[in-house]
Amino acid sequence: MKAADAADCAEWLLYSHGTAAAYAKKVDLTFDSSVLFEEIANTIDGGKTATTTQNLLSCDYAGGSLGVSVNATAKAYTSKSYIANGYKPAGLQIKIVAA
């Protein structure tokens, strides 16, 4: 997500099905953000080792939104193109809402 495209903390629809939708919200406009889809999924469901309160599906944490859980050692974040574009794996919140 480019900061220039996120005026007023813009949101992008990630996925919608039935009565639920997942959105990404740009919350830090001082840099461009880029994260792996796997990390968005882990933020939503908590990943392989999550407890029932460590994910957005429990809907009782931070009002249904959570900053993206990032694996800082992921190779994607050290690639030449990632660094050259000035991306950071931060500045995004994921939220689940009724559609």
C-alpha atoms as a PDB file:
ATOM      1  CA  MET A   1       0.000   0.000   0.000  1.00  0.00           C
ATOM      2  CA  LYS A   2       1.399   3.302  -1.068  1.00  0.00           C
ATOM      3  CA  ALA A   3       1.061   6.098   1.464  1.00  0.00           C
ATOM      4  CA  ALA A   4       0.137   8.516  -1.337  1.00  0.00           C
ATOM      5  CA  ASP A   5      -2.905   6.359  -2.150  1.00  0.00           C
ATOM      6  CA  ALA A   6      -4.092   6.187   1.445  1.00  0.00           C
ATOM      7  CA  ALA A   7      -5.378   9.639   2.292  1.00  0.00           C
ATOM      8  CA  ASP A   8      -7.411   9.714   5.506  1.00  0.00           C
ATOM      9  CA  CYS A   9      -6.273   6.217   6.526  1.00  0.00           C
ATOM     10  CA  ALA A  10      -7.746   4.551   3.459  1.00  0.00           C
ATOM     11  CA  GLU A  11      -8.932   0.947   3.509  1.00  0.00           C
ATOM     12  CA  TRP A  12      -8.741  -1.743   0.841  1.00  0.00           C
ATOM     13  CA  LEU A  13     -11.044  -4.730   0.606  1.00  0.00           C
ATOM     14  CA  LEU A  14      -8.997  -7.911   0.888  1.00  0.00           C
ATOM     15  CA  TYR A  15     -11.803 -10.452   0.698  1.00  0.00           C
ATOM     16  CA  SER A  16     -15.548 -10.670   1.109  1.00  0.00           C
ATOM     17  CA  HIS A  17     -17.750 -13.719   1.401  1.00  0.00           C
ATOM     18  CA  GLY A  18     -21.256 -14.064   2.716  1.00  0.00           C
ATOM     19  CA  THR A  19     -21.737 -11.816   5.713  1.00  0.00           C
ATOM     20  CA  ALA A  20     -18.076 -11.010   6.433  1.00  0.00           C
ATOM     21  CA  ALA A  21     -15.378  -8.890   4.827  1.00  0.00           C
ATOM     22  CA  ALA A  22     -11.665  -8.415   5.531  1.00  0.00           C
ATOM     23  CA  TYR A  23     -10.060  -5.011   5.026  1.00  0.00           C
ATOM     24  CA  ALA A  24      -6.517  -3.666   5.222  1.00  0.00           C
ATOM     25  CA  LYS A  25      -6.204  -0.165   6.598  1.00  0.00           C
ATOM     26  CA  LYS A  26      -3.122   2.034   6.127  1.00  0.00           C
ATOM     27  CA  VAL A  27      -2.427   3.547   9.558  1.00  0.00           C
ATOM     28  CA  ASP A  28       1.040   5.080   9.048  1.00  0.00           C
ATOM     29  CA  LEU A  29       1.284   7.456   6.108  1.00  0.00           C
ATOM     30  CA  THR A  30       5.002   8.161   6.486  1.00  0.00           C
ATOM     31  CA  PHE A  31       6.069   5.195   4.325  1.00  0.00           C
ATOM     32  CA  ASP A  32       4.780   2.620   1.831  1.00  0.00           C
ATOM     33  CA  SER A  33       3.734  -0.740   3.290  1.00  0.00           C
ATOM     34  CA  SER A  34       4.032  -4.220   1.860  1.00  0.00           C
ATOM     35  CA  VAL A  35       3.401  -7.512   3.664  1.00  0.00           C
ATOM     36  CA  LEU A  36       2.985 -11.126   2.629  1.00  0.00           C
ATOM     37  CA  PHE A  37      -0.515 -12.556   2.198  1.00  0.00           C
ATOM     38  CA  GLU A  38       0.530 -15.327   4.585  1.00  0.00           C
ATOM     39  CA  GLU A  39       1.007 -12.725   7.298  1.00  0.00           C
ATOM     40  CA  ILE A  40      -2.411 -11.242   6.658  1.00  0.00           C
ATOM     41  CA  ALA A  41      -3.857 -14.747   7.025  1.00  0.00           C
ATOM     42  CA  ASN A  42      -1.882 -15.329  10.241  1.00  0.00           C
ATOM     43  CA  THR A  43      -3.168 -12.022  11.604  1.00  0.00           C
ATOM     44  CA  ILE A  44      -6.729 -13.137  10.932  1.00  0.00           C
ATOM     45  CA  ASP A  45      -6.511 -16.679  12.298  1.00  0.00           C
ATOM     46  CA  GLY A  46      -3.495 -16.376  14.595  1.00  0.00           C
ATOM     47  CA  GLY A  47      -1.271 -18.830  12.745  1.00  0.00           C
ATOM     48  CA  LYS A  48      -0.456 -22.409  13.625  1.00  0.00           C
ATOM     49  CA  THR A  49       0.200 -21.906  17.339  1.00  0.00           C
ATOM     50  CA  ALA A  50      -2.442 -19.307  18.218  1.00  0.00           C
ATOM     51  CA  THR A  51      -4.742 -19.507  21.184  1.00  0.00           C
ATOM     52  CA  THR A  52      -8.399 -18.574  20.768  1.00  0.00           C
ATOM     53  CA  THR A  53      -7.709 -14.978  21.826  1.00  0.00           C
ATOM     54  CA  GLN A  54      -4.727 -14.330  19.545  1.00  0.00           C
ATOM     55  CA  ASN A  55      -6.624 -13.704  16.347  1.00  0.00           C
ATOM     56  CA  LEU A  56      -9.279 -11.557  14.751  1.00  0.00           C
ATOM     57  CA  LEU A  57     -11.740 -14.417  14.499  1.00  0.00           C
ATOM     58  CA  SER A  58     -12.347 -14.189  18.233  1.00  0.00           C
ATOM     59  CA  CYS A  59     -13.602 -10.591  17.618  1.00  0.00           C
ATOM     60  CA  ASP A  60     -12.810  -9.539  21.166  1.00  0.00           C
ATOM     61  CA  TYR A  61      -9.395  -7.974  20.606  1.00  0.00           C
ATOM     62  CA  ALA A  62      -9.005  -4.267  19.735  1.00  0.00           C
ATOM     63  CA  GLY A  63     -12.544  -4.040  18.422  1.00  0.00           C
ATOM     64  CA  GLY A  64     -12.057  -6.453  15.533  1.00  0.00           C
ATOM     65  CA  SER A  65      -8.835  -4.962  14.142  1.00  0.00           C
ATOM     66  CA  LEU A  66      -5.217  -5.877  14.636  1.00  0.00           C
ATOM     67  CA  GLY A  67      -1.857  -4.750  13.279  1.00  0.00           C
ATOM     68  CA  VAL A  68      -0.371  -7.227  10.817  1.00  0.00           C
ATOM     69  CA  SER A  69       1.704  -9.922  12.522  1.00  0.00           C
ATOM     70  CA  VAL A  70       4.987  -9.794  10.614  1.00  0.00           C
ATOM     71  CA  ASN A  71       7.709 -12.410  10.341  1.00  0.00           C
ATOM     72  CA  ALA A  72      10.648  -9.987  10.190  1.00  0.00           C
ATOM     73  CA  THR A  73      12.975 -12.749   8.985  1.00  0.00           C
ATOM     74  CA  ALA A  74      10.960 -13.465   5.819  1.00  0.00           C
ATOM     75  CA  LYS A  75      13.272 -13.341   2.788  1.00  0.00           C
ATOM     76  CA  ALA A  76      10.818 -11.145   0.890  1.00  0.00           C
ATOM     77  CA  TYR A  77      11.651  -8.210   3.154  1.00  0.00           C
ATOM     78  CA  THR A  78      15.343  -8.323   2.302  1.00  0.00           C
ATOM     79  CA  SER A  79      14.953  -8.649  -1.464  1.00  0.00           C
ATOM     80  CA  LYS A  80      16.595  -5.998  -3.634  1.00  0.00           C
ATOM     81  CA  SER A  81      13.296  -4.869  -5.163  1.00  0.00           C
ATOM     82  CA  TYR A  82      11.570  -4.596  -1.763  1.00  0.00           C
ATOM     83  CA  ILE A  83      14.361  -2.453  -0.370  1.00  0.00           C
ATOM     84  CA  ALA A  84      14.707  -0.396  -3.579  1.00  0.00           C
ATOM     85  CA  ASN A  85      11.007   0.502  -3.430  1.00  0.00           C
ATOM     86  CA  GLY A  86      11.345   1.689   0.171  1.00  0.00           C
ATOM     87  CA  TYR A  87       8.652  -0.614   1.523  1.00  0.00           C
ATOM     88  CA  LYS A  88       8.305  -1.519   5.184  1.00  0.00           C
ATOM     89  CA  PRO A  89       6.405  -4.508   6.635  1.00  0.00           C
ATOM     90  CA  ALA A  90       4.436  -2.273   8.997  1.00  0.00           C
ATOM     91  CA  GLY A  91       1.809   0.441   9.111  1.00  0.00           C
ATOM     92  CA  LEU A  92      -1.176  -1.784   8.301  1.00  0.00           C
ATOM     93  CA  GLN A  93      -4.152  -2.968  10.303  1.00  0.00           C
ATOM     94  CA  ILE A  94      -6.412  -5.830   9.313  1.00  0.00           C
ATOM     95  CA  LYS A  95     -10.051  -5.778  10.324  1.00  0.00           C
ATOM     96  CA  ILE A  96     -12.994  -8.098   9.938  1.00  0.00           C
ATOM     97  CA  VAL A  97     -16.436  -6.558   9.598  1.00  0.00           C
ATOM     98  CA  ALA A  98     -19.987  -7.601   8.815  1.00  0.00           C
ATOM     99  CA  ALA A  99     -20.552  -7.176   5.095  1.00  0.00           C
END
